[in-house]
Amino acid sequence: MSEPEFEQFRGDLEAAERKVAREIDPGARALVVAILVMVLAGSLALSHAGAARGFDVLTGGDVLDDEHISLPSRLFVWFAVVFGVMLSVLALVTRRWALAWIAVAGTAIGTVFGILAIWTRQTPAPGVHAAGPGAGLILGVIACMLLTFHWIRVVWSRTAVLLAAEEQRRIAAAEAERRHPWGRGPTNS
């Protein structure tokens, strides 16, 4: 294909590259992410601490005061629901790169809050008798941690593919510049 013929399609190629840049293709990881989202959502039905389930921490109530549920526990549950469940599902359905990055960031922060929640359950204030971390809290933190890992892999693999495509475009542009250093085609003076 000659240079003028290629120039006709340059705009189409650049538009296609921009479209690919906004999308992800999780491949087989989509199933893993979907399963982890279900596990994370299911962990809300289990005990978070003592008699308080994850849904109780999410909705509030007297049981939170009875079980001495702290701020890291509440933040973890909110981050898990918003980023681990809602945004993960939205990113899987729409396959948008930006939503996947937001899901990565939210689940990573949620994991930190979850670890702090477990730590605060194990180290109550002096004179406070509080139940340790429940199965729902531990399962939720593990699911959130694994979601973060898999979302990072999806986002980085997409970035590697896009970087390779950009590198190929740069090589082609450099080759065209080497052949015609004073312009876009051989007829320019």
N, C-alpha and C. Protein backbone atom coordinates (compact mmCIF):
# COMPACT_ATOMS: atom_id res chain seq x y z
N MET A 1 0.86 -1.17 0.00
CA MET A 1 0.00 0.00 0.00
C MET A 1 0.90 1.23 0.00
N SER A 2 0.63 2.18 -0.90
CA SER A 2 1.45 3.38 -1.00
C SER A 2 1.09 4.36 0.11
N GLU A 3 1.97 5.35 0.28
CA GLU A 3 1.79 6.33 1.35
C GLU A 3 0.47 7.11 1.21
N PRO A 4 0.09 7.60 0.01
CA PRO A 4 -1.19 8.32 -0.09
C PRO A 4 -2.40 7.44 0.23
N GLU A 5 -2.33 6.17 -0.18
CA GLU A 5 -3.44 5.27 0.14
C GLU A 5 -3.53 5.03 1.64
N PHE A 6 -2.36 4.93 2.28
CA PHE A 6 -2.34 4.73 3.74
C PHE A 6 -2.89 5.94 4.46
N GLU A 7 -2.60 7.14 3.97
CA GLU A 7 -3.08 8.37 4.61
C GLU A 7 -4.59 8.43 4.64
N GLN A 8 -5.25 7.82 3.66
CA GLN A 8 -6.72 7.82 3.64
C GLN A 8 -7.28 7.09 4.86
N PHE A 9 -6.59 6.07 5.30
CA PHE A 9 -7.09 5.24 6.38
C PHE A 9 -6.53 5.61 7.75
N ARG A 10 -5.61 6.57 7.81
CA ARG A 10 -4.98 6.95 9.08
C ARG A 10 -6.01 7.40 10.11
N GLY A 11 -6.97 8.20 9.70
CA GLY A 11 -8.00 8.67 10.63
C GLY A 11 -8.85 7.54 11.17
N ASP A 12 -9.19 6.58 10.31
CA ASP A 12 -9.97 5.42 10.76
C ASP A 12 -9.18 4.59 11.75
N LEU A 13 -7.89 4.41 11.47
CA LEU A 13 -7.05 3.62 12.38
C LEU A 13 -6.90 4.31 13.73
N GLU A 14 -6.72 5.61 13.71
CA GLU A 14 -6.59 6.34 14.97
C GLU A 14 -7.89 6.31 15.76
N ALA A 15 -9.04 6.40 15.08
CA ALA A 15 -10.33 6.32 15.77
C ALA A 15 -10.53 4.93 16.38
N ALA A 16 -10.13 3.90 15.66
CA ALA A 16 -10.25 2.53 16.19
C ALA A 16 -9.33 2.36 17.39
N GLU A 17 -8.14 2.93 17.34
CA GLU A 17 -7.20 2.83 18.47
C GLU A 17 -7.75 3.54 19.70
N ARG A 18 -8.37 4.71 19.50
CA ARG A 18 -8.97 5.43 20.63
C ARG A 18 -10.11 4.62 21.25
N LYS A 19 -10.90 3.94 20.40
CA LYS A 19 -12.00 3.11 20.90
C LYS A 19 -11.46 1.95 21.72
N VAL A 20 -10.42 1.30 21.23
CA VAL A 20 -9.81 0.18 21.95
C VAL A 20 -9.21 0.66 23.26
N ALA A 21 -8.70 1.88 23.27
CA ALA A 21 -8.07 2.42 24.48
C ALA A 21 -9.06 2.60 25.61
N ARG A 22 -10.34 2.73 25.31
CA ARG A 22 -11.35 2.93 26.35
C ARG A 22 -11.95 1.63 26.85
N GLU A 23 -11.61 0.51 26.24
CA GLU A 23 -12.25 -0.75 26.59
C GLU A 23 -11.26 -1.76 27.16
N ILE A 24 -11.80 -2.71 27.90
CA ILE A 24 -11.00 -3.81 28.44
C ILE A 24 -11.56 -5.12 27.89
N ASP A 25 -10.72 -6.12 27.91
CA ASP A 25 -11.16 -7.46 27.56
C ASP A 25 -10.67 -8.39 28.65
N PRO A 26 -11.49 -8.63 29.68
CA PRO A 26 -11.01 -9.44 30.80
C PRO A 26 -10.80 -10.91 30.46
N GLY A 27 -11.36 -11.38 29.37
CA GLY A 27 -11.19 -12.78 28.99
C GLY A 27 -11.72 -13.72 30.06
N ALA A 28 -10.91 -14.73 30.39
CA ALA A 28 -11.31 -15.72 31.40
C ALA A 28 -11.38 -15.11 32.80
N ARG A 29 -10.68 -14.01 33.02
CA ARG A 29 -10.74 -13.35 34.33
C ARG A 29 -12.13 -12.80 34.63
N ALA A 30 -12.94 -12.58 33.61
CA ALA A 30 -14.30 -12.09 33.84
C ALA A 30 -15.08 -13.06 34.71
N LEU A 31 -14.91 -14.35 34.48
CA LEU A 31 -15.59 -15.35 35.30
C LEU A 31 -15.07 -15.32 36.74
N VAL A 32 -13.77 -15.19 36.90
CA VAL A 32 -13.18 -15.13 38.24
C VAL A 32 -13.67 -13.89 38.98
N VAL A 33 -13.68 -12.75 38.29
CA VAL A 33 -14.17 -11.52 38.91
C VAL A 33 -15.64 -11.65 39.28
N ALA A 34 -16.44 -12.23 38.41
CA ALA A 34 -17.87 -12.40 38.70
C ALA A 34 -18.08 -13.30 39.92
N ILE A 35 -17.31 -14.37 40.02
CA ILE A 35 -17.43 -15.26 41.19
C ILE A 35 -17.01 -14.52 42.46
N LEU A 36 -15.93 -13.75 42.39
CA LEU A 36 -15.48 -13.00 43.57
C LEU A 36 -16.50 -11.94 43.99
N VAL A 37 -17.16 -11.33 43.02
CA VAL A 37 -18.21 -10.36 43.34
C VAL A 37 -19.34 -11.06 44.09
N MET A 38 -19.71 -12.25 43.64
CA MET A 38 -20.77 -13.01 44.32
C MET A 38 -20.33 -13.41 45.73
N VAL A 39 -19.09 -13.82 45.88
CA VAL A 39 -18.58 -14.18 47.22
C VAL A 39 -18.60 -12.96 48.12
N LEU A 40 -18.16 -11.81 47.60
CA LEU A 40 -18.16 -10.58 48.39
C LEU A 40 -19.57 -10.19 48.80
N ALA A 41 -20.50 -10.27 47.87
CA ALA A 41 -21.90 -9.95 48.21
C ALA A 41 -22.45 -10.96 49.22
N GLY A 42 -22.11 -12.22 49.06
CA GLY A 42 -22.57 -13.25 50.00
C GLY A 42 -21.97 -13.08 51.39
N SER A 43 -20.77 -12.52 51.47
CA SER A 43 -20.14 -12.32 52.79
C SER A 43 -20.90 -11.32 53.64
N LEU A 44 -21.72 -10.49 53.01
CA LEU A 44 -22.53 -9.52 53.76
C LEU A 44 -23.64 -10.20 54.56
N ALA A 45 -24.01 -11.40 54.17
CA ALA A 45 -25.05 -12.13 54.89
C ALA A 45 -24.49 -12.87 56.10
N LEU A 46 -23.17 -13.00 56.15
CA LEU A 46 -22.53 -13.72 57.26
C LEU A 46 -22.18 -12.78 58.40
N SER A 47 -21.78 -13.35 59.51
CA SER A 47 -21.43 -12.57 60.69
C SER A 47 -20.20 -11.70 60.41
N HIS A 48 -20.35 -10.44 60.71
CA HIS A 48 -19.25 -9.49 60.58
C HIS A 48 -18.46 -9.47 61.89
N ALA A 49 -19.19 -9.41 62.97
CA ALA A 49 -18.60 -9.44 64.31
C ALA A 49 -19.73 -9.74 65.29
N GLY A 50 -19.64 -10.85 65.99
CA GLY A 50 -20.68 -11.22 66.95
C GLY A 50 -22.01 -11.40 66.24
N ALA A 51 -23.04 -10.67 66.70
CA ALA A 51 -24.37 -10.78 66.12
C ALA A 51 -24.57 -9.86 64.92
N ALA A 52 -23.62 -9.00 64.64
CA ALA A 52 -23.75 -8.05 63.53
C ALA A 52 -23.32 -8.69 62.22
N ARG A 53 -24.25 -8.74 61.27
CA ARG A 53 -23.93 -9.23 59.94
C ARG A 53 -23.45 -8.06 59.09
N GLY A 54 -22.93 -8.35 57.92
CA GLY A 54 -22.47 -7.30 57.02
C GLY A 54 -23.57 -6.35 56.62
N PHE A 55 -24.79 -6.88 56.40
CA PHE A 55 -25.92 -6.03 56.05
C PHE A 55 -26.27 -5.09 57.20
N ASP A 56 -26.11 -5.57 58.45
CA ASP A 56 -26.37 -4.71 59.61
C ASP A 56 -25.38 -3.56 59.66
N VAL A 57 -24.14 -3.85 59.34
CA VAL A 57 -23.11 -2.80 59.33
C VAL A 57 -23.43 -1.80 58.22
N LEU A 58 -23.94 -2.27 57.12
CA LEU A 58 -24.29 -1.41 55.99
C LEU A 58 -25.48 -0.51 56.31
N THR A 59 -26.50 -1.07 56.96
CA THR A 59 -27.73 -0.31 57.20
C THR A 59 -27.76 0.41 58.53
N GLY A 60 -26.91 0.02 59.46
CA GLY A 60 -26.91 0.66 60.78
C GLY A 60 -27.90 0.00 61.71
N GLY A 61 -27.97 0.48 62.93
CA GLY A 61 -28.92 -0.08 63.90
C GLY A 61 -28.28 -0.24 65.27
N ASP A 62 -29.10 -0.74 66.20
CA ASP A 62 -28.64 -0.89 67.58
C ASP A 62 -27.58 -1.97 67.73
N VAL A 63 -27.60 -2.97 66.86
CA VAL A 63 -26.64 -4.07 66.98
C VAL A 63 -25.20 -3.58 66.79
N LEU A 64 -25.04 -2.47 66.06
CA LEU A 64 -23.69 -1.93 65.84
C LEU A 64 -23.10 -1.40 67.15
N ASP A 65 -23.93 -0.75 67.95
CA ASP A 65 -23.46 -0.27 69.25
C ASP A 65 -23.22 -1.43 70.21
N ASP A 66 -24.10 -2.42 70.15
CA ASP A 66 -23.94 -3.59 71.03
C ASP A 66 -22.65 -4.35 70.73
N GLU A 67 -22.29 -4.42 69.48
CA GLU A 67 -21.10 -5.18 69.07
C GLU A 67 -19.85 -4.30 68.92
N HIS A 68 -19.96 -3.02 69.21
CA HIS A 68 -18.84 -2.07 69.13
C HIS A 68 -18.20 -2.08 67.75
N ILE A 69 -19.03 -1.90 66.73
CA ILE A 69 -18.54 -1.85 65.36
C ILE A 69 -17.88 -0.50 65.13
N SER A 70 -16.63 -0.53 64.70
CA SER A 70 -15.85 0.70 64.54
C SER A 70 -15.94 1.26 63.12
N LEU A 71 -15.36 2.44 62.94
CA LEU A 71 -15.39 3.12 61.64
C LEU A 71 -14.72 2.30 60.53
N PRO A 72 -13.56 1.67 60.75
CA PRO A 72 -12.97 0.88 59.65
C PRO A 72 -13.91 -0.23 59.16
N SER A 73 -14.67 -0.83 60.06
CA SER A 73 -15.61 -1.87 59.64
C SER A 73 -16.70 -1.29 58.76
N ARG A 74 -17.22 -0.14 59.14
CA ARG A 74 -18.28 0.50 58.36
C ARG A 74 -17.75 0.94 56.99
N LEU A 75 -16.55 1.52 56.98
CA LEU A 75 -15.96 1.95 55.71
C LEU A 75 -15.67 0.75 54.80
N PHE A 76 -15.18 -0.34 55.40
CA PHE A 76 -14.91 -1.53 54.59
C PHE A 76 -16.17 -2.02 53.90
N VAL A 77 -17.26 -2.11 54.63
CA VAL A 77 -18.50 -2.62 54.05
C VAL A 77 -18.98 -1.70 52.93
N TRP A 78 -18.91 -0.40 53.13
CA TRP A 78 -19.34 0.52 52.09
C TRP A 78 -18.45 0.42 50.86
N PHE A 79 -17.13 0.37 51.06
CA PHE A 79 -16.22 0.23 49.92
C PHE A 79 -16.45 -1.10 49.21
N ALA A 80 -16.70 -2.15 49.96
CA ALA A 80 -16.94 -3.46 49.37
C ALA A 80 -18.19 -3.44 48.50
N VAL A 81 -19.25 -2.81 48.99
CA VAL A 81 -20.50 -2.77 48.23
C VAL A 81 -20.37 -1.87 47.01
N VAL A 82 -19.87 -0.65 47.21
CA VAL A 82 -19.82 0.32 46.11
C VAL A 82 -18.81 -0.09 45.04
N PHE A 83 -17.58 -0.38 45.47
CA PHE A 83 -16.53 -0.65 44.48
C PHE A 83 -16.40 -2.14 44.16
N GLY A 84 -16.48 -2.99 45.18
CA GLY A 84 -16.29 -4.41 44.95
C GLY A 84 -17.46 -5.06 44.26
N VAL A 85 -18.67 -4.61 44.55
CA VAL A 85 -19.85 -5.23 43.94
C VAL A 85 -20.37 -4.36 42.78
N MET A 86 -20.82 -3.14 43.09
CA MET A 86 -21.48 -2.33 42.07
C MET A 86 -20.56 -1.95 40.91
N LEU A 87 -19.41 -1.35 41.21
CA LEU A 87 -18.54 -0.91 40.13
C LEU A 87 -17.89 -2.08 39.40
N SER A 88 -17.64 -3.17 40.10
CA SER A 88 -17.08 -4.34 39.42
C SER A 88 -18.08 -4.90 38.41
N VAL A 89 -19.33 -4.98 38.80
CA VAL A 89 -20.36 -5.46 37.87
C VAL A 89 -20.51 -4.49 36.70
N LEU A 90 -20.53 -3.21 37.00
CA LEU A 90 -20.66 -2.21 35.95
C LEU A 90 -19.47 -2.26 34.98
N ALA A 91 -18.26 -2.44 35.51
CA ALA A 91 -17.07 -2.54 34.66
C ALA A 91 -17.11 -3.81 33.81
N LEU A 92 -17.59 -4.90 34.37
CA LEU A 92 -17.69 -6.14 33.59
C LEU A 92 -18.73 -6.01 32.47
N VAL A 93 -19.85 -5.38 32.78
CA VAL A 93 -20.93 -5.27 31.79
C VAL A 93 -20.56 -4.29 30.68
N THR A 94 -20.02 -3.13 31.04
CA THR A 94 -19.72 -2.10 30.03
C THR A 94 -18.35 -2.27 29.41
N ARG A 95 -17.45 -3.00 30.10
CA ARG A 95 -16.07 -3.21 29.64
C ARG A 95 -15.32 -1.89 29.46
N ARG A 96 -15.61 -0.95 30.31
CA ARG A 96 -14.95 0.36 30.26
C ARG A 96 -13.69 0.34 31.12
N TRP A 97 -12.62 0.83 30.55
CA TRP A 97 -11.32 0.85 31.20
C TRP A 97 -11.35 1.76 32.43
N ALA A 98 -11.96 2.92 32.33
CA ALA A 98 -12.00 3.86 33.45
C ALA A 98 -12.75 3.25 34.64
N LEU A 99 -13.85 2.55 34.39
CA LEU A 99 -14.59 1.92 35.49
C LEU A 99 -13.77 0.81 36.13
N ALA A 100 -13.01 0.08 35.33
CA ALA A 100 -12.14 -0.97 35.89
C ALA A 100 -11.07 -0.35 36.79
N TRP A 101 -10.51 0.78 36.38
CA TRP A 101 -9.51 1.46 37.22
C TRP A 101 -10.13 1.94 38.53
N ILE A 102 -11.33 2.48 38.46
CA ILE A 102 -12.01 2.93 39.68
C ILE A 102 -12.29 1.74 40.59
N ALA A 103 -12.69 0.60 40.00
CA ALA A 103 -12.91 -0.61 40.79
C ALA A 103 -11.61 -1.07 41.45
N VAL A 104 -10.50 -0.98 40.74
CA VAL A 104 -9.19 -1.34 41.32
C VAL A 104 -8.89 -0.46 42.52
N ALA A 105 -9.01 0.85 42.33
CA ALA A 105 -8.68 1.78 43.41
C ALA A 105 -9.60 1.57 44.61
N GLY A 106 -10.89 1.43 44.36
CA GLY A 106 -11.84 1.27 45.46
C GLY A 106 -11.67 -0.03 46.22
N THR A 107 -11.43 -1.13 45.49
CA THR A 107 -11.24 -2.41 46.19
C THR A 107 -9.91 -2.43 46.93
N ALA A 108 -8.90 -1.74 46.41
CA ALA A 108 -7.62 -1.67 47.13
C ALA A 108 -7.78 -0.90 48.44
N ILE A 109 -8.46 0.23 48.39
CA ILE A 109 -8.70 1.00 49.61
C ILE A 109 -9.62 0.22 50.55
N GLY A 110 -10.62 -0.44 49.98
CA GLY A 110 -11.51 -1.27 50.80
C GLY A 110 -10.76 -2.40 51.50
N THR A 111 -9.79 -2.99 50.83
CA THR A 111 -8.97 -4.04 51.44
C THR A 111 -8.22 -3.50 52.65
N VAL A 112 -7.68 -2.31 52.52
CA VAL A 112 -6.96 -1.69 53.66
C VAL A 112 -7.92 -1.48 54.82
N PHE A 113 -9.11 -0.95 54.54
CA PHE A 113 -10.10 -0.77 55.60
C PHE A 113 -10.52 -2.10 56.20
N GLY A 114 -10.62 -3.13 55.38
CA GLY A 114 -10.98 -4.46 55.88
C GLY A 114 -9.92 -5.02 56.82
N ILE A 115 -8.67 -4.86 56.45
CA ILE A 115 -7.59 -5.32 57.34
C ILE A 115 -7.61 -4.53 58.65
N LEU A 116 -7.83 -3.23 58.55
CA LEU A 116 -7.97 -2.43 59.78
C LEU A 116 -9.17 -2.87 60.61
N ALA A 117 -10.26 -3.25 59.94
CA ALA A 117 -11.45 -3.71 60.65
C ALA A 117 -11.15 -4.99 61.42
N ILE A 118 -10.44 -5.91 60.79
CA ILE A 118 -10.06 -7.15 61.48
C ILE A 118 -9.16 -6.82 62.66
N TRP A 119 -8.22 -5.94 62.45
CA TRP A 119 -7.29 -5.56 63.52
C TRP A 119 -8.04 -4.92 64.69
N THR A 120 -9.00 -4.04 64.41
CA THR A 120 -9.74 -3.39 65.50
C THR A 120 -10.64 -4.38 66.24
N ARG A 121 -11.10 -5.42 65.55
CA ARG A 121 -11.89 -6.45 66.23
C ARG A 121 -11.01 -7.27 67.17
N GLN A 122 -9.75 -7.40 66.86
CA GLN A 122 -8.84 -8.20 67.68
C GLN A 122 -8.18 -7.40 68.80
N THR A 123 -8.24 -6.09 68.72
CA THR A 123 -7.63 -5.24 69.74
C THR A 123 -8.63 -4.21 70.25
N PRO A 124 -9.63 -4.65 71.01
CA PRO A 124 -10.63 -3.69 71.51
C PRO A 124 -10.01 -2.78 72.59
N ALA A 125 -10.68 -1.69 72.84
CA ALA A 125 -10.22 -0.75 73.88
C ALA A 125 -10.25 -1.44 75.24
N PRO A 126 -9.41 -0.99 76.17
CA PRO A 126 -9.41 -1.59 77.52
C PRO A 126 -10.79 -1.49 78.17
N GLY A 127 -11.22 -2.59 78.74
CA GLY A 127 -12.51 -2.64 79.42
C GLY A 127 -13.69 -2.94 78.49
N VAL A 128 -13.47 -3.05 77.20
CA VAL A 128 -14.53 -3.34 76.25
C VAL A 128 -14.44 -4.80 75.87
N HIS A 129 -15.54 -5.50 76.07
CA HIS A 129 -15.60 -6.90 75.67
C HIS A 129 -16.32 -6.96 74.32
N ALA A 130 -15.55 -7.26 73.27
CA ALA A 130 -16.11 -7.31 71.92
C ALA A 130 -15.75 -8.64 71.26
N ALA A 131 -16.67 -9.10 70.43
CA ALA A 131 -16.42 -10.34 69.68
C ALA A 131 -15.33 -10.11 68.66
N GLY A 132 -14.62 -11.15 68.32
CA GLY A 132 -13.58 -11.07 67.30
C GLY A 132 -14.18 -10.96 65.91
N PRO A 133 -13.35 -10.93 64.90
CA PRO A 133 -13.87 -10.81 63.54
C PRO A 133 -14.65 -12.06 63.15
N GLY A 134 -15.75 -11.84 62.48
CA GLY A 134 -16.60 -12.95 62.05
C GLY A 134 -16.18 -13.49 60.69
N ALA A 135 -16.78 -14.60 60.32
CA ALA A 135 -16.45 -15.25 59.04
C ALA A 135 -16.76 -14.35 57.86
N GLY A 136 -17.83 -13.57 57.95
CA GLY A 136 -18.20 -12.67 56.86
C GLY A 136 -17.16 -11.59 56.63
N LEU A 137 -16.63 -11.05 57.71
CA LEU A 137 -15.60 -10.01 57.60
C LEU A 137 -14.33 -10.59 56.98
N ILE A 138 -13.90 -11.73 57.45
CA ILE A 138 -12.68 -12.34 56.93
C ILE A 138 -12.85 -12.74 55.46
N LEU A 139 -13.98 -13.38 55.14
CA LEU A 139 -14.24 -13.78 53.76
C LEU A 139 -14.34 -12.55 52.85
N GLY A 140 -14.98 -11.50 53.34
CA GLY A 140 -15.11 -10.27 52.56
C GLY A 140 -13.77 -9.62 52.27
N VAL A 141 -12.89 -9.60 53.26
CA VAL A 141 -11.56 -9.00 53.05
C VAL A 141 -10.77 -9.82 52.04
N ILE A 142 -10.82 -11.13 52.15
CA ILE A 142 -10.10 -11.99 51.20
C ILE A 142 -10.66 -11.79 49.79
N ALA A 143 -11.98 -11.75 49.65
CA ALA A 143 -12.60 -11.54 48.34
C ALA A 143 -12.23 -10.17 47.77
N CYS A 144 -12.21 -9.15 48.61
CA CYS A 144 -11.84 -7.81 48.17
C CYS A 144 -10.38 -7.76 47.72
N MET A 145 -9.52 -8.45 48.46
CA MET A 145 -8.11 -8.52 48.12
C MET A 145 -7.91 -9.22 46.75
N LEU A 146 -8.60 -10.32 46.55
CA LEU A 146 -8.49 -11.05 45.29
C LEU A 146 -9.10 -10.27 44.13
N LEU A 147 -10.18 -9.54 44.39
CA LEU A 147 -10.75 -8.68 43.35
C LEU A 147 -9.75 -7.62 42.92
N THR A 148 -9.08 -7.01 43.88
CA THR A 148 -8.07 -6.02 43.56
C THR A 148 -6.99 -6.62 42.67
N PHE A 149 -6.50 -7.78 43.03
CA PHE A 149 -5.46 -8.45 42.24
C PHE A 149 -5.92 -8.72 40.81
N HIS A 150 -7.13 -9.28 40.66
CA HIS A 150 -7.60 -9.62 39.32
C HIS A 150 -7.93 -8.40 38.48
N TRP A 151 -8.47 -7.36 39.10
CA TRP A 151 -8.73 -6.13 38.35
C TRP A 151 -7.42 -5.50 37.90
N ILE A 152 -6.39 -5.53 38.74
CA ILE A 152 -5.09 -4.99 38.33
C ILE A 152 -4.56 -5.76 37.12
N ARG A 153 -4.67 -7.07 37.14
CA ARG A 153 -4.21 -7.88 36.00
C ARG A 153 -4.98 -7.53 34.72
N VAL A 154 -6.29 -7.33 34.84
CA VAL A 154 -7.10 -6.98 33.66
C VAL A 154 -6.67 -5.62 33.12
N VAL A 155 -6.53 -4.65 33.98
CA VAL A 155 -6.19 -3.29 33.55
C VAL A 155 -4.77 -3.25 32.98
N TRP A 156 -3.82 -3.91 33.61
CA TRP A 156 -2.44 -3.89 33.11
C TRP A 156 -2.29 -4.66 31.81
N SER A 157 -3.01 -5.74 31.63
CA SER A 157 -2.90 -6.48 30.37
C SER A 157 -3.44 -5.64 29.23
N ARG A 158 -4.48 -4.90 29.47
CA ARG A 158 -5.03 -4.00 28.48
C ARG A 158 -4.03 -2.90 28.17
N THR A 159 -3.37 -2.40 29.17
CA THR A 159 -2.39 -1.35 28.97
C THR A 159 -1.21 -1.87 28.15
N ALA A 160 -0.78 -3.09 28.38
CA ALA A 160 0.33 -3.66 27.63
C ALA A 160 -0.03 -3.80 26.16
N VAL A 161 -1.24 -4.22 25.85
CA VAL A 161 -1.68 -4.35 24.46
C VAL A 161 -1.72 -2.98 23.80
N LEU A 162 -2.27 -2.00 24.50
CA LEU A 162 -2.35 -0.65 23.93
C LEU A 162 -0.96 -0.07 23.73
N LEU A 163 -0.06 -0.26 24.66
CA LEU A 163 1.31 0.25 24.51
C LEU A 163 2.00 -0.39 23.31
N ALA A 164 1.77 -1.66 23.08
CA ALA A 164 2.36 -2.32 21.91
C ALA A 164 1.81 -1.73 20.62
N ALA A 165 0.51 -1.44 20.58
CA ALA A 165 -0.09 -0.83 19.39
C ALA A 165 0.46 0.57 19.16
N GLU A 166 0.61 1.33 20.23
CA GLU A 166 1.18 2.68 20.10
C GLU A 166 2.62 2.62 19.61
N GLU A 167 3.38 1.66 20.10
CA GLU A 167 4.76 1.51 19.67
C GLU A 167 4.83 1.18 18.19
N GLN A 168 3.94 0.32 17.71
CA GLN A 168 3.90 0.00 16.28
C GLN A 168 3.56 1.23 15.45
N ARG A 169 2.64 2.06 15.95
CA ARG A 169 2.28 3.29 15.24
C ARG A 169 3.47 4.25 15.21
N ARG A 170 4.22 4.35 16.31
CA ARG A 170 5.41 5.22 16.34
C ARG A 170 6.47 4.73 15.36
N ILE A 171 6.66 3.42 15.30
CA ILE A 171 7.65 2.86 14.37
C ILE A 171 7.25 3.18 12.93
N ALA A 172 5.95 3.02 12.61
CA ALA A 172 5.48 3.32 11.25
C ALA A 172 5.65 4.80 10.94
N ALA A 173 5.38 5.67 11.90
CA ALA A 173 5.55 7.11 11.68
C ALA A 173 7.02 7.46 11.49
N ALA A 174 7.89 6.84 12.27
CA ALA A 174 9.33 7.09 12.12
C ALA A 174 9.83 6.60 10.77
N GLU A 175 9.32 5.47 10.31
CA GLU A 175 9.71 4.94 8.99
C GLU A 175 9.25 5.88 7.89
N ALA A 176 8.02 6.40 8.00
CA ALA A 176 7.51 7.35 7.01
C ALA A 176 8.34 8.63 7.03
N GLU A 177 8.75 9.08 8.19
CA GLU A 177 9.58 10.28 8.33
C GLU A 177 10.97 10.04 7.73
N ARG A 178 11.48 8.83 7.90
CA ARG A 178 12.81 8.52 7.36
C ARG A 178 12.76 8.52 5.83
N ARG A 179 11.69 8.00 5.26
CA ARG A 179 11.57 7.96 3.81
C ARG A 179 11.33 9.34 3.21
N HIS A 180 10.59 10.18 3.92
CA HIS A 180 10.23 11.51 3.41
C HIS A 180 10.46 12.54 4.52
N PRO A 181 11.71 12.93 4.74
CA PRO A 181 12.01 13.79 5.89
C PRO A 181 11.45 15.20 5.81
N TRP A 182 11.05 15.70 4.62
CA TRP A 182 10.59 17.08 4.53
C TRP A 182 9.09 17.21 4.45
N GLY A 183 8.37 16.17 4.62
CA GLY A 183 6.91 16.27 4.53
C GLY A 183 6.27 14.91 4.54
N ARG A 184 5.00 14.91 4.23
CA ARG A 184 4.24 13.66 4.30
C ARG A 184 4.40 12.82 3.05
N GLY A 185 4.71 13.37 1.98
CA GLY A 185 4.79 12.58 0.74
C GLY A 185 5.96 13.00 -0.14
N PRO A 186 6.22 12.28 -1.20
CA PRO A 186 7.36 12.59 -2.05
C PRO A 186 7.16 13.83 -2.89
N THR A 187 5.93 14.35 -3.02
CA THR A 187 5.69 15.53 -3.85
C THR A 187 5.87 16.83 -3.09
N ASN A 188 5.99 16.81 -1.78
CA ASN A 188 6.17 18.05 -1.00
C ASN A 188 7.58 18.56 -1.21
N SER A 189 7.73 19.92 -1.26
CA SER A 189 9.07 20.48 -1.39
C SER A 189 9.47 21.27 -0.20
